[in-house]
Amino acid sequence: METLIEDKVVTTESSAGGESGLCEVDTNQEPYEGLLFESEEAARAFYEEYARRVGFLTRIISSRKSERDGSIISRRLACNKEGFNLNSQKTGRVRIRKRESKREGCMAMILVKREKLGKWVVTKFVREHNHPLVISSGNSRPTPDEKDRKIRELSSELHRANQRLAACREQLRTFMTYIEEHTQSLSRTVENVVHNIREIESEDQ
Protein backbone atom coordinates (compact mmCIF):
# COMPACT_ATOMS: atom_id res chain seq x y z
CA MET A 1 0.00 0.00 0.00
CA GLU A 2 1.17 3.52 -0.75
CA THR A 3 0.64 6.29 1.76
CA LEU A 4 1.27 10.00 1.51
CA ILE A 5 3.38 11.42 4.26
CA GLU A 6 3.89 14.94 5.53
CA ASP A 7 5.88 17.20 3.23
CA LYS A 8 9.34 18.01 4.45
CA VAL A 9 12.67 19.10 3.13
CA VAL A 10 15.02 16.15 2.85
CA THR A 11 18.37 16.63 4.50
CA THR A 12 21.61 14.79 3.92
CA GLU A 13 21.65 13.36 7.42
CA SER A 14 20.59 9.81 8.07
CA SER A 15 18.11 8.95 10.81
CA ALA A 16 19.27 7.81 14.23
CA GLY A 17 20.66 4.33 14.07
CA GLY A 18 20.40 4.21 10.30
CA GLU A 19 23.20 3.63 7.87
CA SER A 20 24.58 6.76 6.34
CA GLY A 21 26.85 5.26 3.72
CA LEU A 22 26.82 6.16 0.09
CA CYS A 23 29.39 3.39 -0.30
CA GLU A 24 30.77 3.26 -3.83
CA VAL A 25 28.29 5.81 -5.19
CA ASP A 26 29.94 8.92 -6.65
CA THR A 27 28.10 11.87 -5.10
CA ASN A 28 28.95 14.03 -8.11
CA GLN A 29 27.15 11.87 -10.61
CA GLU A 30 23.55 12.17 -11.78
CA PRO A 31 20.95 9.63 -10.63
CA TYR A 32 20.04 6.87 -13.08
CA GLU A 33 17.76 3.86 -13.07
CA GLY A 34 19.57 0.89 -11.57
CA LEU A 35 21.75 2.93 -9.19
CA LEU A 36 22.21 0.99 -5.92
CA PHE A 37 22.44 2.23 -2.34
CA GLU A 38 23.13 0.52 0.97
CA SER A 39 20.09 2.13 2.63
CA GLU A 40 17.12 4.39 2.04
CA GLU A 41 18.88 7.10 4.05
CA ALA A 42 21.84 6.90 1.68
CA ALA A 43 19.54 7.28 -1.32
CA ARG A 44 17.89 10.33 0.24
CA ALA A 45 21.26 11.87 1.07
CA PHE A 46 22.47 11.28 -2.48
CA TYR A 47 19.39 12.86 -4.08
CA GLU A 48 19.52 15.81 -1.69
CA GLU A 49 23.16 16.43 -2.54
CA TYR A 50 22.34 16.15 -6.24
CA ALA A 51 19.47 18.64 -5.78
CA ARG A 52 21.68 21.08 -3.90
CA ARG A 53 24.30 20.89 -6.63
CA VAL A 54 21.78 21.33 -9.48
CA GLY A 55 19.74 24.03 -7.74
CA PHE A 56 16.47 22.82 -6.18
CA LEU A 57 15.02 21.50 -2.93
CA THR A 58 13.38 18.12 -2.43
CA ARG A 59 10.40 16.67 -0.61
CA ILE A 60 9.35 13.15 0.29
CA ILE A 61 6.19 12.71 -1.74
CA SER A 62 5.07 9.22 -0.78
CA SER A 63 6.19 5.94 0.69
CA ARG A 64 5.09 2.35 0.34
CA LYS A 65 5.02 -0.07 3.24
CA SER A 66 5.28 -3.82 3.32
CA GLU A 67 1.94 -5.53 4.03
CA ARG A 68 3.85 -8.19 5.93
CA ASP A 69 5.76 -6.17 8.53
CA GLY A 70 4.90 -2.54 7.80
CA SER A 71 8.47 -1.56 6.95
CA ILE A 72 9.19 1.01 4.24
CA ILE A 73 9.93 -0.66 0.91
CA SER A 74 9.90 2.34 -1.43
CA ARG A 75 10.23 6.12 -1.34
CA ARG A 76 9.31 8.72 -3.90
CA LEU A 77 11.39 11.90 -3.64
CA ALA A 78 10.66 14.90 -5.81
CA CYS A 79 11.34 18.56 -6.40
CA ASN A 80 9.64 20.72 -3.78
CA LYS A 81 7.69 22.41 -6.59
CA GLU A 82 5.96 19.10 -7.41
CA GLY A 83 2.16 19.17 -7.58
CA PHE A 84 -0.14 22.16 -7.20
CA ASN A 85 -1.60 24.02 -4.27
CA LEU A 86 -5.15 22.72 -3.98
CA ASN A 87 -6.53 26.07 -2.91
CA SER A 88 -5.08 27.70 -6.01
CA GLN A 89 -7.23 25.44 -8.17
CA LYS A 90 -10.49 26.77 -6.71
CA THR A 91 -12.38 29.19 -8.91
CA GLY A 92 -15.55 31.27 -8.54
CA ARG A 93 -14.52 33.04 -5.34
CA VAL A 94 -12.14 35.75 -4.35
CA ARG A 95 -9.51 34.36 -2.04
CA ILE A 96 -6.72 36.18 -0.25
CA ARG A 97 -3.60 34.04 -0.30
CA LYS A 98 -1.44 34.41 2.79
CA ARG A 99 1.73 33.48 0.94
CA GLU A 100 2.84 32.62 -2.55
CA SER A 101 2.49 28.93 -3.43
CA LYS A 102 5.72 27.15 -4.30
CA ARG A 103 3.96 24.36 -6.19
CA GLU A 104 4.36 24.57 -9.96
CA GLY A 105 3.55 21.03 -11.08
CA CYS A 106 7.19 20.05 -11.53
CA MET A 107 7.63 16.40 -12.53
CA ALA A 108 11.28 15.97 -11.50
CA MET A 109 11.53 13.01 -9.12
CA ILE A 110 13.31 9.83 -8.10
CA LEU A 111 11.78 6.53 -6.97
CA VAL A 112 13.84 4.10 -4.91
CA LYS A 113 12.77 0.59 -3.88
CA ARG A 114 14.19 -1.95 -1.48
CA GLU A 115 15.38 -5.20 -3.01
CA LYS A 116 15.17 -8.63 -1.38
CA LEU A 117 18.84 -8.47 -0.34
CA GLY A 118 18.24 -5.18 1.48
CA LYS A 119 19.81 -2.90 -1.10
CA TRP A 120 17.88 0.10 -2.43
CA VAL A 121 17.71 0.69 -6.17
CA VAL A 122 16.59 3.63 -8.29
CA THR A 123 13.68 2.37 -10.40
CA LYS A 124 12.60 5.71 -11.91
CA PHE A 125 14.29 9.04 -12.44
CA VAL A 126 12.84 12.18 -14.05
CA ARG A 127 15.45 14.85 -14.68
CA GLU A 128 13.52 17.70 -16.29
CA HIS A 129 12.12 20.62 -14.28
CA ASN A 130 9.45 23.03 -15.52
CA HIS A 131 10.92 26.02 -13.68
CA PRO A 132 14.29 27.80 -13.40
CA LEU A 133 16.86 26.22 -11.11
CA VAL A 134 18.67 28.41 -8.63
CA ILE A 135 22.13 27.42 -7.47
CA SER A 136 22.96 29.17 -4.21
CA SER A 137 26.25 28.79 -2.39
CA GLY A 138 25.23 30.39 0.86
CA ASN A 139 21.48 30.95 1.00
CA SER A 140 20.28 27.36 1.20
CA ARG A 141 18.25 26.31 4.19
CA PRO A 142 20.60 25.12 6.96
CA THR A 143 20.21 21.63 8.33
CA PRO A 144 19.72 21.07 12.10
CA ASP A 145 23.35 19.92 12.40
CA GLU A 146 24.55 23.07 10.63
CA LYS A 147 22.50 25.17 13.04
CA ASP A 148 23.94 23.30 16.03
CA ARG A 149 27.47 23.70 14.68
CA LYS A 150 26.92 27.42 14.15
CA ILE A 151 25.55 27.78 17.68
CA ARG A 152 28.62 25.95 19.07
CA GLU A 153 30.94 28.19 17.05
CA LEU A 154 29.20 31.35 18.26
CA SER A 155 29.20 30.07 21.85
CA SER A 156 32.95 29.36 21.63
CA GLU A 157 33.54 32.81 20.16
CA LEU A 158 31.48 34.39 22.96
CA HIS A 159 33.46 32.41 25.56
CA ARG A 160 36.76 33.60 24.08
CA ALA A 161 35.47 37.18 24.00
CA ASN A 162 34.50 36.92 27.67
CA GLN A 163 37.96 35.60 28.50
CA ARG A 164 39.60 38.49 26.65
CA LEU A 165 37.30 40.93 28.44
CA ALA A 166 38.19 39.43 31.82
CA ALA A 167 41.91 39.70 30.98
CA CYS A 168 41.46 43.34 29.96
CA ARG A 169 39.62 44.06 33.19
CA GLU A 170 42.42 42.46 35.19
CA GLN A 171 45.04 44.49 33.32
CA LEU A 172 43.03 47.66 33.88
CA ARG A 173 42.67 46.86 37.57
CA THR A 174 46.44 46.31 37.84
CA PHE A 175 47.11 49.55 35.96
CA MET A 176 44.72 51.51 38.18
CA THR A 177 46.37 50.05 41.27
CA TYR A 178 49.77 51.13 39.92
CA ILE A 179 48.43 54.63 39.17
CA GLU A 180 47.00 54.90 42.68
CA GLU A 181 50.23 53.78 44.30
CA HIS A 182 52.25 56.13 42.08
CA THR A 183 49.88 59.01 42.91
CA GLN A 184 50.23 58.35 46.64
CA SER A 185 54.01 58.26 46.27
CA LEU A 186 53.99 61.57 44.40
CA SER A 187 51.70 63.06 47.04
CA ARG A 188 54.12 62.03 49.78
CA THR A 189 57.03 63.42 47.82
CA VAL A 190 55.23 66.74 47.30
CA GLU A 191 54.34 66.91 50.98
CA ASN A 192 57.96 66.29 51.95
CA VAL A 193 59.19 68.98 49.56
CA VAL A 194 56.65 71.48 50.88
CA HIS A 195 57.60 70.57 54.45
CA ASN A 196 61.30 71.06 53.73
CA ILE A 197 60.68 74.40 52.03
CA ARG A 198 58.72 75.62 55.04
CA GLU A 199 61.48 74.52 57.39
CA ILE A 200 64.06 76.39 55.31
CA GLU A 201 61.87 79.53 55.27
CA SER A 202 61.45 79.28 59.05
CA GLU A 203 65.22 79.07 59.57
CA ASP A 204 65.78 82.13 57.35
CA GLN A 205 63.34 84.15 59.38
C-alpha atoms as a PDB file:
ATOM      1  CA  MET A   1       0.000   0.000   0.000  1.00  0.00           C
ATOM      2  CA  GLU A   2       1.175   3.523  -0.746  1.00  0.00           C
ATOM      3  CA  THR A   3       0.642   6.286   1.762  1.00  0.00           C
ATOM      4  CA  LEU A   4       1.268  10.002   1.507  1.00  0.00           C
ATOM      5  CA  ILE A   5       3.380  11.424   4.258  1.00  0.00           C
ATOM      6  CA  GLU A   6       3.888  14.942   5.531  1.00  0.00           C
ATOM      7  CA  ASP A   7       5.885  17.205   3.234  1.00  0.00           C
ATOM      8  CA  LYS A   8       9.343  18.008   4.450  1.00  0.00           C
ATOM      9  CA  VAL A   9      12.671  19.105   3.129  1.00  0.00           C
ATOM     10  CA  VAL A  10      15.020  16.154   2.847  1.00  0.00           C
ATOM     11  CA  THR A  11      18.374  16.628   4.498  1.00  0.00           C
ATOM     12  CA  THR A  12      21.611  14.792   3.920  1.00  0.00           C
ATOM     13  CA  GLU A  13      21.648  13.365   7.424  1.00  0.00           C
ATOM     14  CA  SER A  14      20.594   9.808   8.071  1.00  0.00           C
ATOM     15  CA  SER A  15      18.115   8.952  10.813  1.00  0.00           C
ATOM     16  CA  ALA A  16      19.266   7.808  14.227  1.00  0.00           C
ATOM     17  CA  GLY A  17      20.665   4.326  14.074  1.00  0.00           C
ATOM     18  CA  GLY A  18      20.400   4.206  10.296  1.00  0.00           C
ATOM     19  CA  GLU A  19      23.199   3.628   7.871  1.00  0.00           C
ATOM     20  CA  SER A  20      24.583   6.757   6.336  1.00  0.00           C
ATOM     21  CA  GLY A  21      26.846   5.263   3.722  1.00  0.00           C
ATOM     22  CA  LEU A  22      26.820   6.161   0.095  1.00  0.00           C
ATOM     23  CA  CYS A  23      29.390   3.386  -0.299  1.00  0.00           C
ATOM     24  CA  GLU A  24      30.767   3.258  -3.831  1.00  0.00           C
ATOM     25  CA  VAL A  25      28.295   5.809  -5.194  1.00  0.00           C
ATOM     26  CA  ASP A  26      29.942   8.915  -6.653  1.00  0.00           C
ATOM     27  CA  THR A  27      28.098  11.867  -5.102  1.00  0.00           C
ATOM     28  CA  ASN A  28      28.955  14.034  -8.108  1.00  0.00           C
ATOM     29  CA  GLN A  29      27.147  11.866 -10.613  1.00  0.00           C
ATOM     30  CA  GLU A  30      23.552  12.165 -11.780  1.00  0.00           C
ATOM     31  CA  PRO A  31      20.945   9.630 -10.632  1.00  0.00           C
ATOM     32  CA  TYR A  32      20.040   6.870 -13.078  1.00  0.00           C
ATOM     33  CA  GLU A  33      17.765   3.863 -13.069  1.00  0.00           C
ATOM     34  CA  GLY A  34      19.569   0.893 -11.568  1.00  0.00           C
ATOM     35  CA  LEU A  35      21.751   2.929  -9.192  1.00  0.00           C
ATOM     36  CA  LEU A  36      22.213   0.989  -5.922  1.00  0.00           C
ATOM     37  CA  PHE A  37      22.437   2.228  -2.336  1.00  0.00           C
ATOM     38  CA  GLU A  38      23.125   0.523   0.971  1.00  0.00           C
ATOM     39  CA  SER A  39      20.086   2.130   2.626  1.00  0.00           C
ATOM     40  CA  GLU A  40      17.117   4.394   2.037  1.00  0.00           C
ATOM     41  CA  GLU A  41      18.880   7.101   4.045  1.00  0.00           C
ATOM     42  CA  ALA A  42      21.844   6.896   1.676  1.00  0.00           C
ATOM     43  CA  ALA A  43      19.537   7.280  -1.323  1.00  0.00           C
ATOM     44  CA  ARG A  44      17.887  10.334   0.239  1.00  0.00           C
ATOM     45  CA  ALA A  45      21.260  11.875   1.072  1.00  0.00           C
ATOM     46  CA  PHE A  46      22.471  11.281  -2.484  1.00  0.00           C
ATOM     47  CA  TYR A  47      19.388  12.856  -4.084  1.00  0.00           C
ATOM     48  CA  GLU A  48      19.517  15.814  -1.687  1.00  0.00           C
ATOM     49  CA  GLU A  49      23.156  16.431  -2.541  1.00  0.00           C
ATOM     50  CA  TYR A  50      22.337  16.148  -6.240  1.00  0.00           C
ATOM     51  CA  ALA A  51      19.470  18.635  -5.779  1.00  0.00           C
ATOM     52  CA  ARG A  52      21.681  21.079  -3.903  1.00  0.00           C
ATOM     53  CA  ARG A  53      24.297  20.887  -6.629  1.00  0.00           C
ATOM     54  CA  VAL A  54      21.776  21.325  -9.475  1.00  0.00           C
ATOM     55  CA  GLY A  55      19.739  24.025  -7.743  1.00  0.00           C
ATOM     56  CA  PHE A  56      16.470  22.825  -6.182  1.00  0.00           C
ATOM     57  CA  LEU A  57      15.024  21.504  -2.929  1.00  0.00           C
ATOM     58  CA  THR A  58      13.385  18.122  -2.432  1.00  0.00           C
ATOM     59  CA  ARG A  59      10.404  16.671  -0.611  1.00  0.00           C
ATOM     60  CA  ILE A  60       9.353  13.148   0.292  1.00  0.00           C
ATOM     61  CA  ILE A  61       6.188  12.709  -1.743  1.00  0.00           C
ATOM     62  CA  SER A  62       5.067   9.220  -0.778  1.00  0.00           C
ATOM     63  CA  SER A  63       6.188   5.942   0.689  1.00  0.00           C
ATOM     64  CA  ARG A  64       5.091   2.354   0.336  1.00  0.00           C
ATOM     65  CA  LYS A  65       5.016  -0.070   3.241  1.00  0.00           C
ATOM     66  CA  SER A  66       5.281  -3.815   3.323  1.00  0.00           C
ATOM     67  CA  GLU A  67       1.943  -5.527   4.026  1.00  0.00           C
ATOM     68  CA  ARG A  68       3.850  -8.191   5.931  1.00  0.00           C
ATOM     69  CA  ASP A  69       5.762  -6.173   8.529  1.00  0.00           C
ATOM     70  CA  GLY A  70       4.897  -2.535   7.804  1.00  0.00           C
ATOM     71  CA  SER A  71       8.474  -1.560   6.948  1.00  0.00           C
ATOM     72  CA  ILE A  72       9.186   1.007   4.239  1.00  0.00           C
ATOM     73  CA  ILE A  73       9.934  -0.660   0.915  1.00  0.00           C
ATOM     74  CA  SER A  74       9.898   2.342  -1.434  1.00  0.00           C
ATOM     75  CA  ARG A  75      10.227   6.118  -1.339  1.00  0.00           C
ATOM     76  CA  ARG A  76       9.305   8.723  -3.902  1.00  0.00           C
ATOM     77  CA  LEU A  77      11.395  11.895  -3.643  1.00  0.00           C
ATOM     78  CA  ALA A  78      10.663  14.904  -5.806  1.00  0.00           C
ATOM     79  CA  CYS A  79      11.341  18.561  -6.399  1.00  0.00           C
ATOM     80  CA  ASN A  80       9.641  20.724  -3.782  1.00  0.00           C
ATOM     81  CA  LYS A  81       7.685  22.406  -6.595  1.00  0.00           C
ATOM     82  CA  GLU A  82       5.960  19.102  -7.407  1.00  0.00           C
ATOM     83  CA  GLY A  83       2.159  19.173  -7.583  1.00  0.00           C
ATOM     84  CA  PHE A  84      -0.137  22.160  -7.204  1.00  0.00           C
ATOM     85  CA  ASN A  85      -1.598  24.017  -4.272  1.00  0.00           C
ATOM     86  CA  LEU A  86      -5.154  22.717  -3.985  1.00  0.00           C
ATOM     87  CA  ASN A  87      -6.528  26.074  -2.909  1.00  0.00           C
ATOM     88  CA  SER A  88      -5.083  27.702  -6.008  1.00  0.00           C
ATOM     89  CA  GLN A  89      -7.227  25.439  -8.172  1.00  0.00           C
ATOM     90  CA  LYS A  90     -10.486  26.767  -6.715  1.00  0.00           C
ATOM     91  CA  THR A  91     -12.384  29.187  -8.908  1.00  0.00           C
ATOM     92  CA  GLY A  92     -15.549  31.266  -8.542  1.00  0.00           C
ATOM     93  CA  ARG A  93     -14.520  33.037  -5.342  1.00  0.00           C
ATOM     94  CA  VAL A  94     -12.137  35.748  -4.348  1.00  0.00           C
ATOM     95  CA  ARG A  95      -9.515  34.364  -2.040  1.00  0.00           C
ATOM     96  CA  ILE A  96      -6.720  36.185  -0.254  1.00  0.00           C
ATOM     97  CA  ARG A  97      -3.600  34.037  -0.303  1.00  0.00           C
ATOM     98  CA  LYS A  98      -1.445  34.409   2.786  1.00  0.00           C
ATOM     99  CA  ARG A  99       1.726  33.478   0.937  1.00  0.00           C
ATOM    100  CA  GLU A 100       2.843  32.618  -2.546  1.00  0.00           C
ATOM    101  CA  SER A 101       2.487  28.933  -3.429  1.00  0.00           C
ATOM    102  CA  LYS A 102       5.718  27.153  -4.303  1.00  0.00           C
ATOM    103  CA  ARG A 103       3.955  24.362  -6.193  1.00  0.00           C
ATOM    104  CA  GLU A 104       4.362  24.570  -9.962  1.00  0.00           C
ATOM    105  CA  GLY A 105       3.548  21.029 -11.076  1.00  0.00           C
ATOM    106  CA  CYS A 106       7.191  20.053 -11.528  1.00  0.00           C
ATOM    107  CA  MET A 107       7.626  16.403 -12.527  1.00  0.00           C
ATOM    108  CA  ALA A 108      11.283  15.969 -11.496  1.00  0.00           C
ATOM    109  CA  MET A 109      11.530  13.007  -9.120  1.00  0.00           C
ATOM    110  CA  ILE A 110      13.309   9.834  -8.099  1.00  0.00           C
ATOM    111  CA  LEU A 111      11.783   6.535  -6.975  1.00  0.00           C
ATOM    112  CA  VAL A 112      13.844   4.097  -4.910  1.00  0.00           C
ATOM    113  CA  LYS A 113      12.765   0.594  -3.881  1.00  0.00           C
ATOM    114  CA  ARG A 114      14.187  -1.948  -1.475  1.00  0.00           C
ATOM    115  CA  GLU A 115      15.380  -5.199  -3.007  1.00  0.00           C
ATOM    116  CA  LYS A 116      15.173  -8.633  -1.377  1.00  0.00           C
ATOM    117  CA  LEU A 117      18.837  -8.466  -0.345  1.00  0.00           C
ATOM    118  CA  GLY A 118      18.244  -5.178   1.483  1.00  0.00           C
ATOM    119  CA  LYS A 119      19.805  -2.899  -1.105  1.00  0.00           C
ATOM    120  CA  TRP A 120      17.878   0.096  -2.432  1.00  0.00           C
ATOM    121  CA  VAL A 121      17.709   0.688  -6.172  1.00  0.00           C
ATOM    122  CA  VAL A 122      16.588   3.626  -8.292  1.00  0.00           C
ATOM    123  CA  THR A 123      13.680   2.368 -10.402  1.00  0.00           C
ATOM    124  CA  LYS A 124      12.600   5.706 -11.910  1.00  0.00           C
ATOM    125  CA  PHE A 125      14.288   9.036 -12.444  1.00  0.00           C
ATOM    126  CA  VAL A 126      12.839  12.177 -14.051  1.00  0.00           C
ATOM    127  CA  ARG A 127      15.453  14.847 -14.679  1.00  0.00           C
ATOM    128  CA  GLU A 128      13.520  17.704 -16.290  1.00  0.00           C
ATOM    129  CA  HIS A 129      12.118  20.622 -14.276  1.00  0.00           C
ATOM    130  CA  ASN A 130       9.454  23.034 -15.522  1.00  0.00           C
ATOM    131  CA  HIS A 131      10.925  26.019 -13.675  1.00  0.00           C
ATOM    132  CA  PRO A 132      14.287  27.796 -13.399  1.00  0.00           C
ATOM    133  CA  LEU A 133      16.859  26.221 -11.106  1.00  0.00           C
ATOM    134  CA  VAL A 134      18.672  28.408  -8.626  1.00  0.00           C
ATOM    135  CA  ILE A 135      22.127  27.424  -7.470  1.00  0.00           C
ATOM    136  CA  SER A 136      22.961  29.172  -4.215  1.00  0.00           C
ATOM    137  CA  SER A 137      26.253  28.786  -2.387  1.00  0.00           C
ATOM    138  CA  GLY A 138      25.235  30.390   0.862  1.00  0.00           C
ATOM    139  CA  ASN A 139      21.483  30.954   0.995  1.00  0.00           C
ATOM    140  CA  SER A 140      20.283  27.357   1.200  1.00  0.00           C
ATOM    141  CA  ARG A 141      18.251  26.311   4.193  1.00  0.00           C
ATOM    142  CA  PRO A 142      20.602  25.117   6.963  1.00  0.00           C
ATOM    143  CA  THR A 143      20.208  21.632   8.333  1.00  0.00           C
ATOM    144  CA  PRO A 144      19.724  21.066  12.102  1.00  0.00           C
ATOM    145  CA  ASP A 145      23.346  19.922  12.404  1.00  0.00           C
ATOM    146  CA  GLU A 146      24.551  23.068  10.632  1.00  0.00           C
ATOM    147  CA  LYS A 147      22.502  25.167  13.044  1.00  0.00           C
ATOM    148  CA  ASP A 148      23.937  23.297  16.033  1.00  0.00           C
ATOM    149  CA  ARG A 149      27.466  23.696  14.678  1.00  0.00           C
ATOM    150  CA  LYS A 150      26.921  27.422  14.148  1.00  0.00           C
ATOM    151  CA  ILE A 151      25.555  27.778  17.679  1.00  0.00           C
ATOM    152  CA  ARG A 152      28.616  25.946  19.066  1.00  0.00           C
ATOM    153  CA  GLU A 153      30.940  28.189  17.046  1.00  0.00           C
ATOM    154  CA  LEU A 154      29.196  31.345  18.259  1.00  0.00           C
ATOM    155  CA  SER A 155      29.203  30.066  21.848  1.00  0.00           C
ATOM    156  CA  SER A 156      32.947  29.363  21.632  1.00  0.00           C
ATOM    157  CA  GLU A 157      33.544  32.807  20.156  1.00  0.00           C
ATOM    158  CA  LEU A 158      31.482  34.392  22.961  1.00  0.00           C
ATOM    159  CA  HIS A 159      33.461  32.415  25.558  1.00  0.00           C
ATOM    160  CA  ARG A 160      36.761  33.600  24.075  1.00  0.00           C
ATOM    161  CA  ALA A 161      35.472  37.183  24.002  1.00  0.00           C
ATOM    162  CA  ASN A 162      34.496  36.920  27.669  1.00  0.00           C
ATOM    163  CA  GLN A 163      37.955  35.597  28.500  1.00  0.00           C
ATOM    164  CA  ARG A 164      39.600  38.486  26.650  1.00  0.00           C
ATOM    165  CA  LEU A 165      37.303  40.934  28.436  1.00  0.00           C
ATOM    166  CA  ALA A 166      38.192  39.432  31.824  1.00  0.00           C
ATOM    167  CA  ALA A 167      41.906  39.696  30.985  1.00  0.00           C
ATOM    168  CA  CYS A 168      41.461  43.343  29.961  1.00  0.00           C
ATOM    169  CA  ARG A 169      39.619  44.057  33.191  1.00  0.00           C
ATOM    170  CA  GLU A 170      42.421  42.463  35.195  1.00  0.00           C
ATOM    171  CA  GLN A 171      45.044  44.485  33.322  1.00  0.00           C
ATOM    172  CA  LEU A 172      43.026  47.656  33.876  1.00  0.00           C
ATOM    173  CA  ARG A 173      42.669  46.859  37.572  1.00  0.00           C
ATOM    174  CA  THR A 174      46.435  46.313  37.837  1.00  0.00           C
ATOM    175  CA  PHE A 175      47.111  49.547  35.962  1.00  0.00           C
ATOM    176  CA  MET A 176      44.719  51.508  38.179  1.00  0.00           C
ATOM    177  CA  THR A 177      46.372  50.055  41.267  1.00  0.00           C
ATOM    178  CA  TYR A 178      49.765  51.129  39.919  1.00  0.00           C
ATOM    179  CA  ILE A 179      48.434  54.631  39.171  1.00  0.00           C
ATOM    180  CA  GLU A 180      46.995  54.901  42.677  1.00  0.00           C
ATOM    181  CA  GLU A 181      50.231  53.785  44.303  1.00  0.00           C
ATOM    182  CA  HIS A 182      52.246  56.133  42.082  1.00  0.00           C
ATOM    183  CA  THR A 183      49.877  59.006  42.906  1.00  0.00           C
ATOM    184  CA  GLN A 184      50.234  58.353  46.638  1.00  0.00           C
ATOM    185  CA  SER A 185      54.009  58.258  46.268  1.00  0.00           C
ATOM    186  CA  LEU A 186      53.993  61.566  44.398  1.00  0.00           C
ATOM    187  CA  SER A 187      51.703  63.061  47.036  1.00  0.00           C
ATOM    188  CA  ARG A 188      54.117  62.032  49.785  1.00  0.00           C
ATOM    189  CA  THR A 189      57.028  63.423  47.816  1.00  0.00           C
ATOM    190  CA  VAL A 190      55.233  66.741  47.298  1.00  0.00           C
ATOM    191  CA  GLU A 191      54.338  66.910  50.981  1.00  0.00           C
ATOM    192  CA  ASN A 192      57.965  66.285  51.951  1.00  0.00           C
ATOM    193  CA  VAL A 193      59.186  68.983  49.563  1.00  0.00           C
ATOM    194  CA  VAL A 194      56.650  71.482  50.881  1.00  0.00           C
ATOM    195  CA  HIS A 195      57.598  70.574  54.454  1.00  0.00           C
ATOM    196  CA  ASN A 196      61.301  71.055  53.731  1.00  0.00           C
ATOM    197  CA  ILE A 197      60.678  74.405  52.027  1.00  0.00           C
ATOM    198  CA  ARG A 198      58.723  75.615  55.042  1.00  0.00           C
ATOM    199  CA  GLU A 199      61.477  74.520  57.393  1.00  0.00           C
ATOM    200  CA  ILE A 200      64.057  76.390  55.306  1.00  0.00           C
ATOM    201  CA  GLU A 201      61.870  79.533  55.270  1.00  0.00           C
ATOM    202  CA  SER A 202      61.447  79.281  59.051  1.00  0.00           C
ATOM    203  CA  GLU A 203      65.217  79.072  59.574  1.00  0.00           C
ATOM    204  CA  ASP A 204      65.780  82.132  57.349  1.00  0.00           C
ATOM    205  CA  GLN A 205      63.340  84.153  59.378  1.00  0.00           C
END
